[in-house]
N, C-alpha and C. Protein backbone atom coordinates (compact mmCIF):
# COMPACT_ATOMS: atom_id res chain seq x y z
N UNK A 1 123.21 90.85 99.46
CA UNK A 1 122.82 89.70 100.24
C UNK A 1 123.75 88.55 99.88
N UNK A 2 124.20 87.82 100.89
CA UNK A 2 125.12 86.73 100.62
C UNK A 2 124.40 85.57 99.93
N UNK A 3 125.18 84.73 99.26
CA UNK A 3 124.63 83.58 98.55
C UNK A 3 123.96 82.62 99.54
N UNK A 4 124.61 82.38 100.67
CA UNK A 4 124.03 81.46 101.67
C UNK A 4 122.70 81.98 102.20
N UNK A 5 122.62 83.29 102.43
CA UNK A 5 121.37 83.87 102.92
C UNK A 5 120.28 83.77 101.87
N UNK A 6 120.66 83.93 100.59
CA UNK A 6 119.68 83.82 99.52
C UNK A 6 119.15 82.39 99.42
N UNK A 7 120.03 81.42 99.60
CA UNK A 7 119.63 80.02 99.47
C UNK A 7 118.84 79.55 100.69
N UNK A 8 119.37 79.81 101.87
CA UNK A 8 118.77 79.29 103.09
C UNK A 8 117.87 80.29 103.81
N UNK A 9 117.98 81.56 103.46
CA UNK A 9 117.18 82.58 104.11
C UNK A 9 117.74 82.92 105.48
N UNK A 10 117.50 84.13 105.92
CA UNK A 10 117.94 84.53 107.25
C UNK A 10 116.88 84.15 108.27
N UNK A 11 117.31 83.92 109.49
CA UNK A 11 116.36 83.57 110.53
C UNK A 11 115.47 84.76 110.87
N UNK A 12 116.05 85.96 110.85
CA UNK A 12 115.32 87.17 111.18
C UNK A 12 115.50 88.21 110.08
N UNK A 13 114.47 88.98 109.83
CA UNK A 13 114.55 90.06 108.87
C UNK A 13 114.64 91.36 109.66
N UNK A 14 115.86 91.76 110.03
CA UNK A 14 116.06 92.91 110.90
C UNK A 14 115.50 94.20 110.30
N UNK A 15 115.65 94.39 109.01
CA UNK A 15 115.11 95.60 108.38
C UNK A 15 113.60 95.66 108.50
N UNK A 16 112.94 94.55 108.29
CA UNK A 16 111.48 94.47 108.39
C UNK A 16 111.04 94.67 109.84
N UNK A 17 111.79 94.11 110.78
CA UNK A 17 111.47 94.29 112.19
C UNK A 17 111.52 95.77 112.57
N UNK A 18 112.59 96.45 112.19
CA UNK A 18 112.75 97.86 112.52
C UNK A 18 111.64 98.70 111.89
N UNK A 19 111.38 98.50 110.61
CA UNK A 19 110.36 99.32 109.94
C UNK A 19 108.97 99.05 110.52
N UNK A 20 108.66 97.82 110.84
CA UNK A 20 107.36 97.48 111.41
C UNK A 20 107.20 98.10 112.79
N UNK A 21 108.23 98.02 113.61
CA UNK A 21 108.19 98.59 114.96
C UNK A 21 108.06 100.11 114.88
N UNK A 22 108.87 100.74 114.05
CA UNK A 22 108.81 102.21 113.93
C UNK A 22 107.42 102.67 113.49
N UNK A 23 106.84 101.97 112.54
CA UNK A 23 105.51 102.35 112.06
C UNK A 23 104.46 102.14 113.15
N UNK A 24 104.55 101.04 113.87
CA UNK A 24 103.56 100.72 114.91
C UNK A 24 103.57 101.75 116.04
N UNK A 25 104.75 102.16 116.48
CA UNK A 25 104.79 103.12 117.58
C UNK A 25 104.43 104.52 117.09
N UNK A 26 104.70 104.82 115.83
CA UNK A 26 104.40 106.14 115.29
C UNK A 26 102.89 106.39 115.20
N UNK A 27 102.11 105.36 114.96
CA UNK A 27 100.67 105.54 114.78
C UNK A 27 99.86 105.28 116.04
N UNK A 28 100.51 104.82 117.10
CA UNK A 28 99.77 104.56 118.33
C UNK A 28 99.33 105.87 118.98
N UNK A 29 98.03 106.06 119.21
CA UNK A 29 97.54 107.34 119.74
C UNK A 29 97.91 107.59 121.20
N UNK A 30 98.30 106.56 121.94
CA UNK A 30 98.64 106.74 123.35
C UNK A 30 100.11 107.07 123.58
N UNK A 31 100.90 107.03 122.53
CA UNK A 31 102.32 107.38 122.65
C UNK A 31 102.52 108.80 122.15
N UNK A 32 103.28 109.58 122.90
CA UNK A 32 103.47 110.98 122.55
C UNK A 32 104.53 111.13 121.47
N UNK A 33 105.67 111.67 121.78
CA UNK A 33 106.71 111.98 120.80
C UNK A 33 107.58 110.76 120.54
N UNK A 34 107.20 109.95 119.55
CA UNK A 34 107.97 108.74 119.26
C UNK A 34 109.22 109.01 118.44
N UNK A 35 109.42 110.26 118.01
CA UNK A 35 110.64 110.59 117.26
C UNK A 35 111.87 110.51 118.16
N UNK A 36 111.66 110.49 119.47
CA UNK A 36 112.78 110.39 120.41
C UNK A 36 113.15 108.93 120.71
N UNK A 37 112.46 107.99 120.06
CA UNK A 37 112.73 106.57 120.27
C UNK A 37 113.53 106.04 119.08
N UNK A 38 114.63 105.41 119.37
CA UNK A 38 115.49 104.82 118.32
C UNK A 38 115.35 103.30 118.38
N UNK A 39 115.04 102.71 117.24
CA UNK A 39 114.83 101.26 117.15
C UNK A 39 115.94 100.66 116.29
N UNK A 40 116.61 99.65 116.82
CA UNK A 40 117.60 98.91 116.04
C UNK A 40 117.32 97.41 116.22
N UNK A 41 117.82 96.62 115.30
CA UNK A 41 117.67 95.17 115.41
C UNK A 41 118.89 94.51 114.79
N UNK A 42 119.42 93.54 115.52
CA UNK A 42 120.56 92.78 115.02
C UNK A 42 120.34 91.31 115.40
N UNK A 43 120.23 90.48 114.38
CA UNK A 43 120.00 89.05 114.56
C UNK A 43 118.77 88.78 115.41
N UNK A 44 117.73 89.57 115.18
CA UNK A 44 116.46 89.35 115.86
C UNK A 44 116.35 89.94 117.25
N UNK A 45 117.40 90.63 117.70
CA UNK A 45 117.35 91.31 119.00
C UNK A 45 117.02 92.77 118.74
N UNK A 46 115.82 93.16 119.10
CA UNK A 46 115.35 94.52 118.90
C UNK A 46 115.73 95.33 120.13
N UNK A 47 116.34 96.49 119.90
CA UNK A 47 116.75 97.34 121.01
C UNK A 47 116.10 98.71 120.87
N UNK A 48 115.53 99.16 121.98
CA UNK A 48 114.92 100.49 122.03
C UNK A 48 115.79 101.40 122.88
N UNK A 49 116.13 102.57 122.35
CA UNK A 49 116.87 103.57 123.11
C UNK A 49 116.20 104.91 122.88
N UNK A 50 116.48 105.84 123.75
CA UNK A 50 115.88 107.17 123.63
C UNK A 50 115.09 107.51 124.87
N UNK A 51 114.17 108.48 124.71
CA UNK A 51 113.43 108.99 125.86
C UNK A 51 111.93 108.92 125.63
N UNK A 52 111.22 108.68 126.73
CA UNK A 52 109.76 108.75 126.76
C UNK A 52 109.37 109.63 127.93
N UNK A 53 108.09 110.00 128.02
CA UNK A 53 107.64 110.95 129.02
C UNK A 53 107.26 110.33 130.36
N UNK A 54 106.96 109.02 130.37
CA UNK A 54 106.52 108.39 131.61
C UNK A 54 106.80 106.88 131.58
N UNK A 55 106.75 106.28 132.75
CA UNK A 55 106.93 104.83 132.85
C UNK A 55 105.80 104.12 132.11
N UNK A 56 104.60 104.70 132.16
CA UNK A 56 103.45 104.13 131.46
C UNK A 56 103.70 104.11 129.95
N UNK A 57 104.30 105.18 129.44
CA UNK A 57 104.60 105.26 128.01
C UNK A 57 105.70 104.25 127.63
N UNK A 58 106.65 104.06 128.51
CA UNK A 58 107.71 103.07 128.28
C UNK A 58 107.10 101.67 128.17
N UNK A 59 106.22 101.34 129.10
CA UNK A 59 105.55 100.03 129.07
C UNK A 59 104.64 99.90 127.86
N UNK A 60 103.93 100.96 127.51
CA UNK A 60 103.02 100.95 126.37
C UNK A 60 103.80 100.70 125.07
N UNK A 61 104.96 101.31 124.95
CA UNK A 61 105.79 101.13 123.75
C UNK A 61 106.13 99.65 123.58
N UNK A 62 106.56 99.03 124.64
CA UNK A 62 106.93 97.61 124.59
C UNK A 62 105.71 96.75 124.25
N UNK A 63 104.57 97.05 124.83
CA UNK A 63 103.35 96.30 124.59
C UNK A 63 102.91 96.40 123.13
N UNK A 64 102.96 97.62 122.59
CA UNK A 64 102.59 97.84 121.19
C UNK A 64 103.49 97.02 120.26
N UNK A 65 104.77 96.99 120.57
CA UNK A 65 105.72 96.26 119.73
C UNK A 65 105.43 94.76 119.76
N UNK A 66 105.26 94.21 120.94
CA UNK A 66 104.97 92.78 121.05
C UNK A 66 103.68 92.42 120.30
N UNK A 67 102.64 93.20 120.49
CA UNK A 67 101.36 92.92 119.84
C UNK A 67 101.49 93.01 118.32
N UNK A 68 102.16 94.05 117.85
CA UNK A 68 102.32 94.24 116.41
C UNK A 68 103.12 93.11 115.76
N UNK A 69 104.24 92.76 116.36
CA UNK A 69 105.08 91.71 115.78
C UNK A 69 104.40 90.35 115.81
N UNK A 70 103.69 90.07 116.88
CA UNK A 70 102.96 88.80 116.96
C UNK A 70 101.83 88.76 115.94
N UNK A 71 101.11 89.87 115.78
CA UNK A 71 100.02 89.94 114.81
C UNK A 71 100.56 89.79 113.39
N UNK A 72 101.71 90.41 113.13
CA UNK A 72 102.31 90.34 111.79
C UNK A 72 103.07 89.03 111.57
N UNK A 73 103.13 88.21 112.61
CA UNK A 73 103.82 86.92 112.56
C UNK A 73 105.30 87.08 112.16
N UNK A 74 105.93 88.13 112.71
CA UNK A 74 107.35 88.35 112.47
C UNK A 74 108.15 87.77 113.62
N UNK A 75 109.12 86.95 113.28
CA UNK A 75 109.96 86.32 114.31
C UNK A 75 111.00 87.31 114.82
N UNK A 76 111.19 87.30 116.12
CA UNK A 76 112.28 88.05 116.73
C UNK A 76 112.73 87.26 117.95
N UNK A 77 113.95 87.51 118.37
CA UNK A 77 114.51 86.75 119.48
C UNK A 77 114.23 87.41 120.82
N UNK A 78 114.41 88.74 120.87
CA UNK A 78 114.32 89.43 122.14
C UNK A 78 114.04 90.91 121.91
N UNK A 79 113.37 91.53 122.88
CA UNK A 79 113.15 92.97 122.87
C UNK A 79 113.84 93.55 124.09
N UNK A 80 114.82 94.41 123.86
CA UNK A 80 115.58 95.03 124.95
C UNK A 80 115.15 96.49 125.03
N UNK A 81 114.55 96.86 126.17
CA UNK A 81 113.99 98.19 126.34
C UNK A 81 114.93 99.04 127.21
N UNK A 82 115.68 99.91 126.57
CA UNK A 82 116.60 100.83 127.27
C UNK A 82 116.04 102.26 127.28
N UNK A 83 114.73 102.40 127.10
CA UNK A 83 114.14 103.73 127.08
C UNK A 83 114.27 104.38 128.45
N UNK A 84 114.54 105.68 128.44
CA UNK A 84 114.71 106.45 129.66
C UNK A 84 113.50 107.35 129.84
N UNK A 85 112.97 107.38 131.06
CA UNK A 85 111.86 108.28 131.36
C UNK A 85 112.45 109.63 131.70
N UNK A 86 112.07 110.64 130.90
CA UNK A 86 112.62 111.99 131.12
C UNK A 86 111.52 113.02 131.23
């Protein structure tokens, strides 16, 4: 970690965002195979890539993430959903 980040802190904790999102979608009973979803975060921009089974599942994934991050009071800038329905 850089000295400036240690002193002033980072605006976003990308590692925490990714781990929280991955855990939230993994335990949601309405989402099927979440191992096909890849979560990344850079400077607070969370990006979802991979495949889901339906448009409803794609929307549910995004909803679960927003609810979880807001409940955990984790700051993020944007959620970019590139999930493909297959």
